C-alpha atoms as a PDB file:
ATOM      1  CA  ALA A   1      -0.004   0.012  -0.005  1.00  0.00           C
ATOM      2  CA  GLU A   2       2.861   2.382   0.786  1.00  0.00           C
ATOM      3  CA  ILE A   3       4.492   1.737  -2.590  1.00  0.00           C
ATOM      4  CA  LEU A   4       1.205   2.261  -4.441  1.00  0.00           C
ATOM      5  CA  GLU A   5       0.596   5.545  -2.644  1.00  0.00           C
ATOM      6  CA  GLY A   6       4.114   6.654  -3.496  1.00  0.00           C
ATOM      7  CA  ILE A   7       3.514   5.896  -7.177  1.00  0.00           C
ATOM      8  CA  ARG A   8       0.193   7.783  -7.094  1.00  0.00           C
ATOM      9  CA  ALA A   9       1.959  10.762  -5.560  1.00  0.00           C
ATOM     10  CA  GLU A  10       4.578  10.771  -8.333  1.00  0.00           C
ATOM     11  CA  LEU A  11       1.827  10.523 -10.966  1.00  0.00           C
ATOM     12  CA  ARG A  12       0.151  13.555  -9.418  1.00  0.00           C
ATOM     13  CA  GLY A  13       3.502  15.271  -9.649  1.00  0.00           C
ATOM     14  CA  VAL A  14       3.662  14.405 -13.346  1.00  0.00           C
ATOM     15  CA  GLU A  15       0.369  16.205 -13.903  1.00  0.00           C
ATOM     16  CA  ARG A  16       1.702  19.307 -12.153  1.00  0.00           C
ATOM     17  CA  ALA A  17       5.221  19.230 -13.648  1.00  0.00           C
ATOM     18  CA  ALA A  18       6.346  22.675 -14.822  1.00  0.00           C
ATOM     19  CA  ASP A  19       8.772  21.367 -17.462  1.00  0.00           C
ATOM     20  CA  VAL A  20      10.060  18.190 -19.037  1.00  0.00           C
ATOM     21  CA  ASP A  21      12.932  17.843 -16.564  1.00  0.00           C
ATOM     22  CA  ALA A  22      10.550  17.875 -13.640  1.00  0.00           C
ATOM     23  CA  LEU A  23       8.367  15.332 -15.458  1.00  0.00           C
ATOM     24  CA  ARG A  24      11.352  13.050 -15.956  1.00  0.00           C
ATOM     25  CA  GLY A  25      12.160  13.315 -12.278  1.00  0.00           C
ATOM     26  CA  HIS A  26       8.704  12.166 -11.228  1.00  0.00           C
ATOM     27  CA  GLU A  27       8.745   9.386 -13.843  1.00  0.00           C
ATOM     28  CA  GLY A  28      12.119   8.183 -12.580  1.00  0.00           C
ATOM     29  CA  MET A  29      10.916   8.049  -8.959  1.00  0.00           C
ATOM     30  CA  ALA A  30       7.731   6.231 -10.006  1.00  0.00           C
ATOM     31  CA  GLY A  31       9.876   3.676 -11.865  1.00  0.00           C
ATOM     32  CA  LYS A  32      12.072   3.077  -8.793  1.00  0.00           C
ATOM     33  CA  LEU A  33       8.980   2.528  -6.649  1.00  0.00           C
ATOM     34  CA  TYR A  34       7.471   0.192  -9.262  1.00  0.00           C
ATOM     35  CA  PHE A  35      10.546  -2.035  -9.349  1.00  0.00           C
ATOM     36  CA  SER A  36      10.800  -1.998  -5.552  1.00  0.00           C
ATOM     37  CA  GLY A  37       7.257  -3.411  -5.426  1.00  0.00           C
ATOM     38  CA  LEU A  38       7.642  -5.951  -8.241  1.00  0.00           C
ATOM     39  CA  PRO A  39       9.217  -8.629  -5.963  1.00  0.00           C
ATOM     40  CA  THR A  40       6.027  -8.763  -3.918  1.00  0.00           C
ATOM     41  CA  LEU A  41       4.245 -10.253  -6.978  1.00  0.00           C
ATOM     42  CA  LEU A  42       6.690 -13.125  -7.217  1.00  0.00           C
ATOM     43  CA  ASP A  43       6.313 -16.501  -5.487  1.00  0.00           C
ATOM     44  CA  ALA A  44       8.376 -16.236  -2.305  1.00  0.00           C
ATOM     45  CA  GLY A  45       9.716 -19.771  -2.888  1.00  0.00           C
ATOM     46  CA  GLN A  46      11.309 -18.857  -6.219  1.00  0.00           C
ATOM     47  CA  GLU A  47      15.008 -18.717  -5.438  1.00  0.00           C
ATOM     48  CA  LEU A  48      16.256 -18.720  -9.031  1.00  0.00           C
ATOM     49  CA  MET A  49      14.162 -15.721 -10.117  1.00  0.00           C
ATOM     50  CA  ARG A  50      14.423 -13.747  -6.901  1.00  0.00           C
ATOM     51  CA  LEU A  51      14.404  -9.994  -7.583  1.00  0.00           C
ATOM     52  CA  SER A  52      16.192  -7.491  -5.352  1.00  0.00           C
ATOM     53  CA  GLY A  53      15.947  -4.449  -7.634  1.00  0.00           C
ATOM     54  CA  ARG A  54      16.390  -3.409 -11.249  1.00  0.00           C
ATOM     55  CA  ASN A  55      19.862  -3.736 -12.710  1.00  0.00           C
ATOM     56  CA  ARG A  56      21.095  -3.799 -16.313  1.00  0.00           C
ATOM     57  CA  ARG A  57      24.063  -3.143 -18.576  1.00  0.00           C
ATOM     58  CA  PRO A  58      24.775  -5.863 -17.651  1.00  0.00           C
ATOM     59  CA  PRO A  59      21.969  -7.736 -15.822  1.00  0.00           C
ATOM     60  CA  GLU A  60      23.282  -9.295 -12.614  1.00  0.00           C
ATOM     61  CA  ASP A  61      20.612 -11.917 -11.907  1.00  0.00           C
ATOM     62  CA  PRO A  62      18.304 -14.191 -13.888  1.00  0.00           C
ATOM     63  CA  PHE A  63      15.156 -12.100 -13.460  1.00  0.00           C
ATOM     64  CA  ASN A  64      16.819  -8.953 -14.733  1.00  0.00           C
ATOM     65  CA  ALA A  65      18.380 -10.915 -17.602  1.00  0.00           C
ATOM     66  CA  ALA A  66      14.924 -12.107 -18.648  1.00  0.00           C
ATOM     67  CA  LEU A  67      13.454  -8.651 -18.134  1.00  0.00           C
ATOM     68  CA  SER A  68      16.058  -6.995 -20.348  1.00  0.00           C
ATOM     69  CA  PHE A  69      15.723  -9.614 -23.085  1.00  0.00           C
ATOM     70  CA  GLY A  70      11.955  -9.125 -23.200  1.00  0.00           C
ATOM     71  CA  TYR A  71      12.445  -5.375 -23.432  1.00  0.00           C
ATOM     72  CA  SER A  72      14.758  -5.920 -26.373  1.00  0.00           C
ATOM     73  CA  LEU A  73      12.009  -7.836 -28.156  1.00  0.00           C
ATOM     74  CA  LEU A  74       9.583  -4.975 -27.459  1.00  0.00           C
ATOM     75  CA  TYR A  75      12.101  -2.414 -28.704  1.00  0.00           C
ATOM     76  CA  ARG A  76      12.419  -4.362 -31.979  1.00  0.00           C
ATOM     77  CA  ASP A  77       8.648  -4.299 -32.465  1.00  0.00           C
ATOM     78  CA  ALA A  78       8.406  -0.621 -31.557  1.00  0.00           C
ATOM     79  CA  MET A  79      11.056   0.206 -34.140  1.00  0.00           C
ATOM     80  CA  ALA A  80       9.306  -1.882 -36.801  1.00  0.00           C
ATOM     81  CA  ALA A  81       6.011  -0.068 -36.140  1.00  0.00           C
ATOM     82  CA  ILE A  82       7.611   3.381 -36.280  1.00  0.00           C
ATOM     83  CA  VAL A  83       9.345   2.607 -39.582  1.00  0.00           C
ATOM     84  CA  CYS A  84       6.141   1.098 -40.997  1.00  0.00           C
ATOM     85  CA  VAL A  85       4.162   4.265 -40.230  1.00  0.00           C
ATOM     86  CA  GLY A  86       6.945   6.480 -41.572  1.00  0.00           C
ATOM     87  CA  LEU A  87       7.984   8.444 -38.474  1.00  0.00           C
ATOM     88  CA  ASP A  88      11.586   9.225 -37.661  1.00  0.00           C
ATOM     89  CA  PRO A  89      12.605   7.180 -34.599  1.00  0.00           C
ATOM     90  CA  ALA A  90      15.303   9.714 -33.736  1.00  0.00           C
ATOM     91  CA  PHE A  91      12.676  12.309 -32.775  1.00  0.00           C
ATOM     92  CA  GLY A  92      11.146  11.347 -29.451  1.00  0.00           C
ATOM     93  CA  PHE A  93       9.100  13.426 -27.063  1.00  0.00           C
ATOM     94  CA  PHE A  94      10.298  12.133 -23.664  1.00  0.00           C
ATOM     95  CA  HIS A  95      13.528  10.161 -23.907  1.00  0.00           C
ATOM     96  CA  ARG A  96      16.790  11.857 -24.858  1.00  0.00           C
ATOM     97  CA  PRO A  97      19.239  10.474 -27.431  1.00  0.00           C
ATOM     98  CA  ARG A  98      21.787   9.292 -24.828  1.00  0.00           C
ATOM     99  CA  SER A  99      22.505   5.808 -26.206  1.00  0.00           C
ATOM    100  CA  ALA A 100      22.313   3.836 -29.453  1.00  0.00           C
ATOM    101  CA  ALA A 101      18.602   3.265 -28.833  1.00  0.00           C
ATOM    102  CA  TYR A 102      16.220   5.571 -30.703  1.00  0.00           C
ATOM    103  CA  PRO A 103      14.255   7.923 -28.417  1.00  0.00           C
ATOM    104  CA  LEU A 104      10.869   7.485 -30.126  1.00  0.00           C
ATOM    105  CA  ALA A 105      11.094   3.707 -29.797  1.00  0.00           C
ATOM    106  CA  LEU A 106      11.847   4.082 -26.091  1.00  0.00           C
ATOM    107  CA  ASP A 107       8.894   6.472 -25.763  1.00  0.00           C
ATOM    108  CA  LEU A 108       6.561   3.971 -27.411  1.00  0.00           C
ATOM    109  CA  MET A 109       7.850   1.122 -25.270  1.00  0.00           C
ATOM    110  CA  GLU A 110       6.623   2.841 -22.104  1.00  0.00           C
ATOM    111  CA  LEU A 111       3.020   2.117 -23.114  1.00  0.00           C
ATOM    112  CA  PHE A 112       3.696  -1.580 -23.427  1.00  0.00           C
ATOM    113  CA  ARG A 113       6.465  -2.642 -20.992  1.00  0.00           C
ATOM    114  CA  THR A 114       4.156  -3.767 -18.197  1.00  0.00           C
ATOM    115  CA  VAL A 115       1.442  -5.466 -20.233  1.00  0.00           C
ATOM    116  CA  LEU A 116       3.569  -7.099 -22.915  1.00  0.00           C
ATOM    117  CA  TRP A 117       6.478  -8.303 -20.799  1.00  0.00           C
ATOM    118  CA  ASP A 118       6.420  -7.578 -17.063  1.00  0.00           C
ATOM    119  CA  MET A 119       3.084  -9.322 -16.525  1.00  0.00           C
ATOM    120  CA  PRO A 120       3.811 -12.401 -18.657  1.00  0.00           C
ATOM    121  CA  LEU A 121       7.281 -12.708 -17.057  1.00  0.00           C
ATOM    122  CA  VAL A 122       5.902 -12.541 -13.505  1.00  0.00           C
ATOM    123  CA  ALA A 123       3.225 -15.105 -14.405  1.00  0.00           C
ATOM    124  CA  SER A 124       5.834 -17.439 -15.891  1.00  0.00           C
ATOM    125  CA  VAL A 125       7.994 -17.153 -12.750  1.00  0.00           C
ATOM    126  CA  ASN A 126       5.017 -18.001 -10.555  1.00  0.00           C
ATOM    127  CA  ARG A 127       4.262 -20.982 -12.800  1.00  0.00           C
ATOM    128  CA  ASN A 128       7.806 -22.180 -12.174  1.00  0.00           C
ATOM    129  CA  GLN A 129       8.691 -22.211 -15.880  1.00  0.00           C
ATOM    130  CA  TRP A 130      12.287 -20.984 -15.518  1.00  0.00           C
ATOM    131  CA  ARG A 131      15.220 -23.305 -14.837  1.00  0.00           C
ATOM    132  CA  GLU A 132      18.951 -22.826 -14.328  1.00  0.00           C
ATOM    133  CA  GLU A 133      19.637 -24.097 -17.853  1.00  0.00           C
ATOM    134  CA  HIS A 134      17.747 -21.078 -19.217  1.00  0.00           C
ATOM    135  CA  PHE A 135      20.651 -18.836 -18.157  1.00  0.00           C
ATOM    136  CA  SER A 136      24.381 -18.455 -18.696  1.00  0.00           C
ATOM    137  CA  ARG A 137      26.545 -16.783 -16.074  1.00  0.00           C
ATOM    138  CA  SER A 138      29.865 -15.039 -15.657  1.00  0.00           C
ATOM    139  CA  PRO A 139      31.158 -13.455 -12.459  1.00  0.00           C
ATOM    140  CA  ARG A 140      29.593 -10.089 -13.323  1.00  0.00           C
ATOM    141  CA  GLN A 141      26.763 -10.876 -15.730  1.00  0.00           C
ATOM    142  CA  VAL A 142      23.791 -13.157 -16.321  1.00  0.00           C
ATOM    143  CA  TRP A 143      22.202 -13.594 -19.742  1.00  0.00           C
ATOM    144  CA  LEU A 144      19.716 -15.934 -21.352  1.00  0.00           C
ATOM    145  CA  SER A 145      20.939 -19.193 -22.893  1.00  0.00           C
ATOM    146  CA  ALA A 146      19.505 -20.427 -26.189  1.00  0.00           C
ATOM    147  CA  GLU A 147      16.855 -22.324 -24.216  1.00  0.00           C
ATOM    148  CA  GLY A 148      16.054 -19.198 -22.206  1.00  0.00           C
ATOM    149  CA  ARG A 149      15.707 -17.077 -25.305  1.00  0.00           C
ATOM    150  CA  ARG A 150      13.327 -19.612 -26.803  1.00  0.00           C
ATOM    151  CA  LEU A 151      11.152 -19.561 -23.680  1.00  0.00           C
ATOM    152  CA  ALA A 152      11.157 -15.755 -23.531  1.00  0.00           C
ATOM    153  CA  ILE A 153      10.213 -15.420 -27.218  1.00  0.00           C
ATOM    154  CA  GLU A 154       7.422 -17.982 -26.779  1.00  0.00           C
ATOM    155  CA  LEU A 155       5.972 -16.064 -23.814  1.00  0.00           C
ATOM    156  CA  TYR A 156       6.282 -12.717 -25.573  1.00  0.00           C
ATOM    157  CA  GLU A 157       4.760 -13.850 -28.874  1.00  0.00           C
ATOM    158  CA  LYS A 158       1.877 -15.541 -27.073  1.00  0.00           C
ATOM    159  CA  ARG A 159       1.129 -12.326 -25.229  1.00  0.00           C
ATOM    160  CA  LYS A 160       1.311 -10.292 -28.452  1.00  0.00           C
ATOM    161  CA  GLY A 161      -1.359 -12.505 -29.971  1.00  0.00           C
ATOM    162  CA  GLU A 162      -3.867 -11.828 -27.200  1.00  0.00           C
ATOM    163  CA  ALA A 163      -6.640  -9.324 -27.933  1.00  0.00           C
ATOM    164  CA  TRP A 164      -7.652  -6.177 -26.083  1.00  0.00           C
ATOM    165  CA  LYS A 165     -10.415  -3.626 -26.681  1.00  0.00           C
ATOM    166  CA  HIS A 166      -8.971  -0.246 -27.575  1.00  0.00           C
ATOM    167  CA  PRO A 167     -10.824   2.780 -26.131  1.00  0.00           C
ATOM    168  CA  VAL A 168     -10.362   4.942 -29.251  1.00  0.00           C
ATOM    169  CA  LEU A 169     -11.404   2.365 -31.837  1.00  0.00           C
ATOM    170  CA  ASP A 170     -13.870   0.650 -29.483  1.00  0.00           C
ATOM    171  CA  TYR A 171     -13.123  -2.792 -30.831  1.00  0.00           C
ATOM    172  CA  SER A 172     -10.669  -5.565 -29.993  1.00  0.00           C
ATOM    173  CA  LEU A 173      -7.333  -6.099 -31.663  1.00  0.00           C
ATOM    174  CA  SER A 174      -4.148  -7.979 -30.825  1.00  0.00           C
ATOM    175  CA  TYR A 175      -1.377  -6.329 -28.844  1.00  0.00           C
ATOM    176  CA  ALA A 176       0.819  -6.870 -31.922  1.00  0.00           C
ATOM    177  CA  ARG A 177      -1.478  -4.632 -33.991  1.00  0.00           C
ATOM    178  CA  GLU A 178      -1.924  -2.253 -31.077  1.00  0.00           C
ATOM    179  CA  ILE A 179       1.782  -1.264 -31.208  1.00  0.00           C
ATOM    180  CA  GLU A 180       1.411   0.013 -34.772  1.00  0.00           C
ATOM    181  CA  LEU A 181      -1.927   1.614 -33.987  1.00  0.00           C
ATOM    182  CA  GLU A 182      -0.415   3.734 -31.234  1.00  0.00           C
ATOM    183  CA  VAL A 183       2.240   4.974 -33.651  1.00  0.00           C
ATOM    184  CA  ARG A 184      -0.497   5.990 -36.094  1.00  0.00           C
ATOM    185  CA  LEU A 185      -2.369   7.771 -33.273  1.00  0.00           C
ATOM    186  CA  LEU A 186       0.842   9.577 -32.369  1.00  0.00           C
ATOM    187  CA  GLU A 187       1.177  10.697 -35.990  1.00  0.00           C
ATOM    188  CA  LYS A 188      -2.334  12.141 -35.741  1.00  0.00           C
ATOM    189  CA  GLU A 189      -1.359  13.818 -32.465  1.00  0.00           C
ATOM    190  CA  TRP A 190       1.451  15.606 -34.254  1.00  0.00           C
ATOM    191  CA  SER A 191      -0.575  16.429 -37.378  1.00  0.00           C
ATOM    192  CA  GLY A 192      -3.492  18.200 -35.743  1.00  0.00           C
ATOM    193  CA  SER A 193      -5.773  15.550 -34.200  1.00  0.00           C
ATOM    194  CA  PRO A 194      -4.726  15.491 -30.530  1.00  0.00           C
ATOM    195  CA  GLY A 195      -6.115  13.427 -27.669  1.00  0.00           C
ATOM    196  CA  LEU A 196      -5.974   9.981 -29.328  1.00  0.00           C
ATOM    197  CA  PHE A 197      -2.501   8.759 -28.453  1.00  0.00           C
ATOM    198  CA  GLY A 198      -1.696   7.068 -25.114  1.00  0.00           C
ATOM    199  CA  ASN A 199      -5.283   6.467 -23.950  1.00  0.00           C
ATOM    200  CA  MET A 200      -4.559   2.846 -23.043  1.00  0.00           C
ATOM    201  CA  ARG A 201      -5.855   1.633 -19.751  1.00  0.00           C
ATOM    202  CA  ILE A 202      -4.943  -2.010 -19.861  1.00  0.00           C
ATOM    203  CA  ARG A 203      -5.826  -4.713 -17.388  1.00  0.00           C
ATOM    204  CA  GLY A 204      -3.953  -7.958 -17.609  1.00  0.00           C
END
């Protein structure tokens, strides 16, 4: 309850943010609170996939390795949708060009991280689907083995095929199609038809 209230407080701060830097600050704090609460959704008996916080570049534990790999799949699909619609992925509205990743793809990913990967990953952990052979390790890094990548792709693609009713179109479509739809709605946002992009309110 304390974590949820903290996230709500940061979201209220987002609505009152005076500039983009203040907005990023509230978003960053909300993200830290989110990942601090994520372990409470995991089966307490799951030693292999125990989560003690978000880490990356490189991931230091199996859960973070799986999390990062799933995000890389989502990034690929976000990029494909942006290119298909014809927008320039270098021009984002929230993320800054601080790495090799394109800002607009990172912006689009924020709409889908939780529903397309966090939720399926948590569910798979609680179903005890992950094994030690799904990971490779070095002293400072953990990454997915070939078997782990196959499992992650299977979970992700299955989730993409599930349908959800979009509030703008008022009919159901797969999450795979929804990624491209949001890019098209963003294009409309920038071309004079605001209020359509980012209206997703998704329940798992």
